[in-house]
């Protein structure tokens, strides 16, 4: 029966250091550590401590409008493809190699942001209409009367 590996005998137990089928660059671990330490330009507000703000709704709207799911996807794909390049160089290189994916991400980002903005404007409009007591009716126009 094999003993349970701990930190001191992990590599020796599973022989990771002596594998002949995997040849990795010796600097790959340091590059991965540097990438992990980099500040994500799309998620700068993710790790900030939340302080109570008197304008919580404005903060929430600003946070929602700063959310970029398609550009985050593009950034993750570029990082995974070109780990050895600098942050700006990997994004430029990935966009040159994959222009259709970049365009799809840009269009998706525009559509997502536009949809959020329209939904926020509609929510504000309906709140104002309800506050002033204006009835909001939804007329249903049918070509012929319903027979039950």
Foldseek 3Di string as FASTA:
>chain_A
DDDDDDPVCPCVRVVPVPDPVDDDDPCPVVLVVVVVPDDDPLCNPVPDDDDDDPPVVVVVLVVQLSHQVLVVVLQVVLCVVCSPDDSVVSSVVSCVVCVVSVVVSVVVRVVSNVVSVVVVVVVVVVVVCVVVPNDDDDDDDDPDDDDD
